[in-house]
Amino acid sequence: MSYMRKFETHPQVKQLLESIVKVLNLEVVSKGIGVNIISKGVIDSSIQQKSGMSDDEIHNVLAHFSSTYPINRIAKPKNITSISELLFSHNSLVLRNEKIIIDGGTTM
């Protein structure tokens, strides 16, 4: 699909962030700080309008991913928010260097 060219560096950026999280955890573990990462799939949000794609292209991309995700829909921002709230709470004190994947089951 032609829209994928617009996101060619996305996997490399995700890998870079994961490496940074590992190093940060080593640096701050003695201070009781944990660093984790949320690795998300396609999210139905306003970011698509900033990608340079036309409304038709955006619709086609979202429809494609909705039909290929095991849960038959893509995530909404509120799905990410609830996980973020957990990571910022005291309930996550035992989590270190976790990568939480929110992609509708695509990587299972």
N, C-alpha and C. Protein backbone atom coordinates (compact mmCIF):
# COMPACT_ATOMS: atom_id res chain seq x y z
N MET A 1 0.84 -1.18 0.00
CA MET A 1 0.00 0.00 0.00
C MET A 1 0.88 1.24 0.00
N SER A 2 0.50 2.22 -0.79
CA SER A 2 1.34 3.41 -0.97
C SER A 2 1.45 4.25 0.30
N TYR A 3 0.46 4.22 1.17
CA TYR A 3 0.53 5.03 2.38
C TYR A 3 1.65 4.57 3.30
N MET A 4 2.09 3.33 3.18
CA MET A 4 3.12 2.81 4.06
C MET A 4 4.45 3.55 3.90
N ARG A 5 4.71 4.12 2.73
CA ARG A 5 5.95 4.87 2.54
C ARG A 5 6.05 6.04 3.51
N LYS A 6 4.92 6.56 3.92
CA LYS A 6 4.91 7.71 4.83
C LYS A 6 5.34 7.31 6.24
N PHE A 7 5.38 6.03 6.50
CA PHE A 7 5.69 5.55 7.85
C PHE A 7 6.89 4.61 7.85
N GLU A 8 7.77 4.74 6.87
CA GLU A 8 8.90 3.81 6.73
C GLU A 8 9.80 3.75 7.95
N THR A 9 10.01 4.86 8.62
CA THR A 9 10.94 4.88 9.76
C THR A 9 10.26 4.51 11.08
N HIS A 10 8.97 4.32 11.07
CA HIS A 10 8.24 4.06 12.31
C HIS A 10 8.79 2.85 13.09
N PRO A 11 9.03 1.70 12.45
CA PRO A 11 9.58 0.56 13.21
C PRO A 11 10.95 0.86 13.82
N GLN A 12 11.79 1.59 13.11
CA GLN A 12 13.11 1.91 13.65
C GLN A 12 13.00 2.83 14.86
N VAL A 13 12.07 3.77 14.81
CA VAL A 13 11.88 4.68 15.94
C VAL A 13 11.39 3.90 17.16
N LYS A 14 10.47 2.95 16.94
CA LYS A 14 9.99 2.13 18.06
C LYS A 14 11.15 1.34 18.68
N GLN A 15 12.00 0.76 17.86
CA GLN A 15 13.15 0.00 18.38
C GLN A 15 14.11 0.90 19.15
N LEU A 16 14.33 2.11 18.65
CA LEU A 16 15.19 3.06 19.33
C LEU A 16 14.62 3.40 20.71
N LEU A 17 13.32 3.66 20.77
CA LEU A 17 12.69 3.99 22.06
C LEU A 17 12.80 2.83 23.04
N GLU A 18 12.64 1.61 22.55
CA GLU A 18 12.78 0.45 23.43
C GLU A 18 14.20 0.36 23.99
N SER A 19 15.18 0.66 23.19
CA SER A 19 16.58 0.65 23.67
C SER A 19 16.80 1.75 24.70
N ILE A 20 16.24 2.91 24.46
CA ILE A 20 16.37 4.02 25.41
C ILE A 20 15.74 3.65 26.75
N VAL A 21 14.59 2.99 26.71
CA VAL A 21 13.90 2.57 27.94
C VAL A 21 14.78 1.62 28.74
N LYS A 22 15.44 0.69 28.07
CA LYS A 22 16.33 -0.25 28.77
C LYS A 22 17.46 0.49 29.49
N VAL A 23 18.08 1.44 28.80
CA VAL A 23 19.18 2.20 29.40
C VAL A 23 18.66 3.06 30.55
N LEU A 24 17.53 3.72 30.35
CA LEU A 24 16.97 4.56 31.42
C LEU A 24 16.67 3.74 32.67
N ASN A 25 16.15 2.53 32.49
CA ASN A 25 15.87 1.69 33.65
C ASN A 25 17.13 1.41 34.45
N LEU A 26 18.22 1.15 33.78
CA LEU A 26 19.48 0.91 34.48
C LEU A 26 19.95 2.15 35.23
N GLU A 27 19.70 3.30 34.66
CA GLU A 27 20.15 4.56 35.27
C GLU A 27 19.32 4.95 36.49
N VAL A 28 18.02 4.65 36.49
CA VAL A 28 17.15 5.20 37.53
C VAL A 28 16.59 4.16 38.51
N VAL A 29 16.93 2.88 38.32
CA VAL A 29 16.37 1.85 39.20
C VAL A 29 16.73 2.09 40.65
N SER A 30 17.92 2.59 40.93
CA SER A 30 18.34 2.83 42.32
C SER A 30 17.55 3.96 42.97
N LYS A 31 16.87 4.76 42.19
CA LYS A 31 16.05 5.85 42.71
C LYS A 31 14.58 5.43 42.85
N GLY A 32 14.30 4.16 42.59
CA GLY A 32 12.93 3.67 42.71
C GLY A 32 12.04 4.06 41.55
N ILE A 33 12.64 4.41 40.44
CA ILE A 33 11.87 4.83 39.27
C ILE A 33 11.88 3.69 38.25
N GLY A 34 10.72 3.43 37.71
CA GLY A 34 10.60 2.43 36.65
C GLY A 34 10.22 3.11 35.35
N VAL A 35 10.78 2.62 34.27
CA VAL A 35 10.48 3.17 32.95
C VAL A 35 9.90 2.03 32.11
N ASN A 36 8.76 2.27 31.51
CA ASN A 36 8.08 1.30 30.68
C ASN A 36 7.69 1.96 29.37
N ILE A 37 7.21 1.17 28.44
CA ILE A 37 6.85 1.73 27.15
C ILE A 37 5.54 1.10 26.68
N ILE A 38 4.73 1.91 26.03
CA ILE A 38 3.52 1.43 25.38
C ILE A 38 3.81 1.37 23.89
N SER A 39 3.66 0.21 23.32
CA SER A 39 3.86 0.03 21.88
C SER A 39 2.48 -0.16 21.27
N LYS A 40 2.04 0.84 20.58
CA LYS A 40 0.68 0.81 20.07
C LYS A 40 0.66 0.49 18.58
N GLY A 41 -0.45 -0.05 18.17
CA GLY A 41 -0.70 -0.24 16.75
C GLY A 41 -1.37 1.01 16.20
N VAL A 42 -2.15 0.85 15.17
CA VAL A 42 -2.87 1.98 14.58
C VAL A 42 -3.96 2.42 15.55
N ILE A 43 -4.04 3.71 15.78
CA ILE A 43 -5.04 4.30 16.66
C ILE A 43 -5.91 5.22 15.84
N ASP A 44 -7.21 5.15 16.04
CA ASP A 44 -8.14 6.04 15.34
C ASP A 44 -8.13 7.38 16.06
N SER A 45 -7.27 8.28 15.60
CA SER A 45 -7.14 9.59 16.24
C SER A 45 -6.87 10.65 15.18
N SER A 46 -6.72 11.87 15.62
CA SER A 46 -6.50 12.99 14.70
C SER A 46 -5.11 12.98 14.08
N ILE A 47 -4.23 12.10 14.52
CA ILE A 47 -2.87 12.08 13.97
C ILE A 47 -2.88 11.77 12.48
N GLN A 48 -3.85 11.00 12.03
CA GLN A 48 -3.89 10.68 10.61
C GLN A 48 -4.05 11.93 9.74
N GLN A 49 -4.79 12.92 10.21
CA GLN A 49 -4.98 14.16 9.45
C GLN A 49 -3.67 14.93 9.30
N LYS A 50 -2.73 14.68 10.20
CA LYS A 50 -1.44 15.38 10.14
C LYS A 50 -0.41 14.63 9.30
N SER A 51 -0.80 13.49 8.75
CA SER A 51 0.14 12.65 8.01
C SER A 51 0.31 13.06 6.56
N GLY A 52 -0.55 13.93 6.08
CA GLY A 52 -0.48 14.33 4.68
C GLY A 52 -1.35 13.47 3.78
N MET A 53 -2.05 12.50 4.37
CA MET A 53 -2.94 11.66 3.57
C MET A 53 -4.27 12.37 3.35
N SER A 54 -4.91 12.05 2.25
CA SER A 54 -6.24 12.60 1.98
C SER A 54 -7.26 11.90 2.88
N ASP A 55 -8.45 12.46 2.97
CA ASP A 55 -9.50 11.84 3.78
C ASP A 55 -9.82 10.43 3.28
N ASP A 56 -9.83 10.24 1.96
CA ASP A 56 -10.08 8.91 1.40
C ASP A 56 -8.98 7.93 1.78
N GLU A 57 -7.72 8.37 1.72
CA GLU A 57 -6.61 7.50 2.11
C GLU A 57 -6.72 7.13 3.58
N ILE A 58 -7.05 8.10 4.42
CA ILE A 58 -7.20 7.83 5.85
C ILE A 58 -8.30 6.81 6.07
N HIS A 59 -9.43 7.01 5.41
CA HIS A 59 -10.54 6.07 5.54
C HIS A 59 -10.12 4.66 5.13
N ASN A 60 -9.40 4.56 4.01
CA ASN A 60 -8.95 3.26 3.52
C ASN A 60 -7.96 2.59 4.47
N VAL A 61 -7.05 3.38 5.03
CA VAL A 61 -6.09 2.82 5.98
C VAL A 61 -6.80 2.29 7.22
N LEU A 62 -7.69 3.09 7.78
CA LEU A 62 -8.40 2.67 8.98
C LEU A 62 -9.29 1.46 8.70
N ALA A 63 -9.94 1.44 7.54
CA ALA A 63 -10.77 0.29 7.17
C ALA A 63 -9.91 -0.96 7.00
N HIS A 64 -8.75 -0.81 6.37
CA HIS A 64 -7.85 -1.95 6.18
C HIS A 64 -7.43 -2.55 7.51
N PHE A 65 -6.95 -1.71 8.41
CA PHE A 65 -6.49 -2.23 9.69
C PHE A 65 -7.64 -2.77 10.53
N SER A 66 -8.80 -2.12 10.47
CA SER A 66 -9.96 -2.63 11.21
C SER A 66 -10.32 -4.04 10.75
N SER A 67 -10.21 -4.29 9.47
CA SER A 67 -10.58 -5.61 8.94
C SER A 67 -9.51 -6.66 9.17
N THR A 68 -8.27 -6.26 9.43
CA THR A 68 -7.20 -7.24 9.62
C THR A 68 -6.86 -7.48 11.08
N TYR A 69 -7.30 -6.62 11.98
CA TYR A 69 -7.03 -6.83 13.41
C TYR A 69 -7.93 -7.95 13.92
N PRO A 70 -7.40 -8.83 14.76
CA PRO A 70 -8.21 -9.93 15.30
C PRO A 70 -9.47 -9.47 16.03
N ILE A 71 -9.45 -8.27 16.61
CA ILE A 71 -10.64 -7.80 17.32
C ILE A 71 -11.59 -7.04 16.39
N ASN A 72 -11.26 -6.99 15.10
CA ASN A 72 -12.09 -6.37 14.06
C ASN A 72 -12.34 -4.88 14.25
N ARG A 73 -11.43 -4.22 14.91
CA ARG A 73 -11.49 -2.77 15.04
C ARG A 73 -10.12 -2.29 15.47
N ILE A 74 -9.86 -1.00 15.27
CA ILE A 74 -8.62 -0.44 15.76
C ILE A 74 -8.89 0.27 17.07
N ALA A 75 -7.85 0.50 17.82
CA ALA A 75 -7.99 1.11 19.15
C ALA A 75 -8.35 2.58 19.04
N LYS A 76 -8.98 3.05 20.09
CA LYS A 76 -9.31 4.47 20.25
C LYS A 76 -8.35 5.04 21.30
N PRO A 77 -8.17 6.34 21.32
CA PRO A 77 -7.28 6.94 22.32
C PRO A 77 -7.61 6.55 23.76
N LYS A 78 -8.91 6.36 24.07
CA LYS A 78 -9.28 6.00 25.44
C LYS A 78 -8.72 4.62 25.83
N ASN A 79 -8.50 3.74 24.84
CA ASN A 79 -7.89 2.45 25.15
C ASN A 79 -6.45 2.61 25.62
N ILE A 80 -5.76 3.58 25.08
CA ILE A 80 -4.38 3.85 25.47
C ILE A 80 -4.35 4.58 26.82
N THR A 81 -5.29 5.46 27.02
CA THR A 81 -5.35 6.26 28.24
C THR A 81 -5.42 5.39 29.49
N SER A 82 -6.25 4.35 29.45
CA SER A 82 -6.40 3.51 30.66
C SER A 82 -5.10 2.80 31.01
N ILE A 83 -4.34 2.38 30.01
CA ILE A 83 -3.05 1.74 30.27
C ILE A 83 -2.05 2.77 30.80
N SER A 84 -2.08 3.97 30.21
CA SER A 84 -1.19 5.05 30.67
C SER A 84 -1.47 5.38 32.13
N GLU A 85 -2.73 5.44 32.49
CA GLU A 85 -3.09 5.74 33.87
C GLU A 85 -2.53 4.69 34.83
N LEU A 86 -2.56 3.45 34.43
CA LEU A 86 -1.98 2.39 35.24
C LEU A 86 -0.48 2.63 35.43
N LEU A 87 0.22 2.94 34.33
CA LEU A 87 1.66 3.12 34.42
C LEU A 87 2.06 4.32 35.26
N PHE A 88 1.21 5.33 35.35
CA PHE A 88 1.51 6.50 36.16
C PHE A 88 1.05 6.34 37.61
N SER A 89 0.39 5.25 37.91
CA SER A 89 -0.12 5.05 39.27
C SER A 89 0.86 4.26 40.12
N HIS A 90 0.57 4.20 41.41
CA HIS A 90 1.40 3.41 42.33
C HIS A 90 1.24 1.91 42.08
N ASN A 91 0.20 1.52 41.35
CA ASN A 91 0.00 0.11 41.03
C ASN A 91 1.07 -0.44 40.10
N SER A 92 1.86 0.42 39.50
CA SER A 92 2.88 -0.04 38.55
C SER A 92 4.29 -0.03 39.15
N LEU A 93 4.39 0.15 40.46
CA LEU A 93 5.71 0.27 41.09
C LEU A 93 6.62 -0.94 40.83
N VAL A 94 6.05 -2.10 40.61
CA VAL A 94 6.88 -3.30 40.39
C VAL A 94 7.22 -3.51 38.92
N LEU A 95 6.69 -2.69 38.05
CA LEU A 95 6.97 -2.84 36.62
C LEU A 95 8.26 -2.12 36.25
N ARG A 96 9.13 -2.82 35.56
CA ARG A 96 10.38 -2.24 35.07
C ARG A 96 10.63 -2.77 33.67
N ASN A 97 10.89 -1.88 32.75
CA ASN A 97 11.27 -2.25 31.39
C ASN A 97 10.20 -3.09 30.69
N GLU A 98 8.94 -2.81 30.99
CA GLU A 98 7.86 -3.54 30.35
C GLU A 98 7.47 -2.84 29.06
N LYS A 99 7.18 -3.64 28.06
CA LYS A 99 6.64 -3.13 26.80
C LYS A 99 5.23 -3.65 26.69
N ILE A 100 4.28 -2.76 26.83
CA ILE A 100 2.88 -3.13 26.76
C ILE A 100 2.41 -2.88 25.33
N ILE A 101 2.01 -3.95 24.66
CA ILE A 101 1.61 -3.87 23.26
C ILE A 101 0.09 -3.73 23.18
N ILE A 102 -0.34 -2.64 22.55
CA ILE A 102 -1.77 -2.40 22.35
C ILE A 102 -1.99 -2.31 20.85
N ASP A 103 -2.30 -3.47 20.25
CA ASP A 103 -2.43 -3.50 18.79
C ASP A 103 -3.60 -4.36 18.33
N GLY A 104 -4.57 -4.58 19.21
CA GLY A 104 -5.74 -5.34 18.82
C GLY A 104 -5.46 -6.81 18.57
N GLY A 105 -4.34 -7.32 19.06
CA GLY A 105 -4.01 -8.72 18.92
C GLY A 105 -3.21 -9.05 17.66
N THR A 106 -2.79 -8.04 16.93
CA THR A 106 -2.07 -8.27 15.68
C THR A 106 -0.77 -9.05 15.88
N THR A 107 -0.07 -8.82 16.97
CA THR A 107 1.22 -9.48 17.17
C THR A 107 1.15 -10.75 18.00
N MET A 108 -0.07 -11.26 18.26
CA MET A 108 -0.14 -12.48 19.08
C MET A 108 0.27 -13.69 18.30
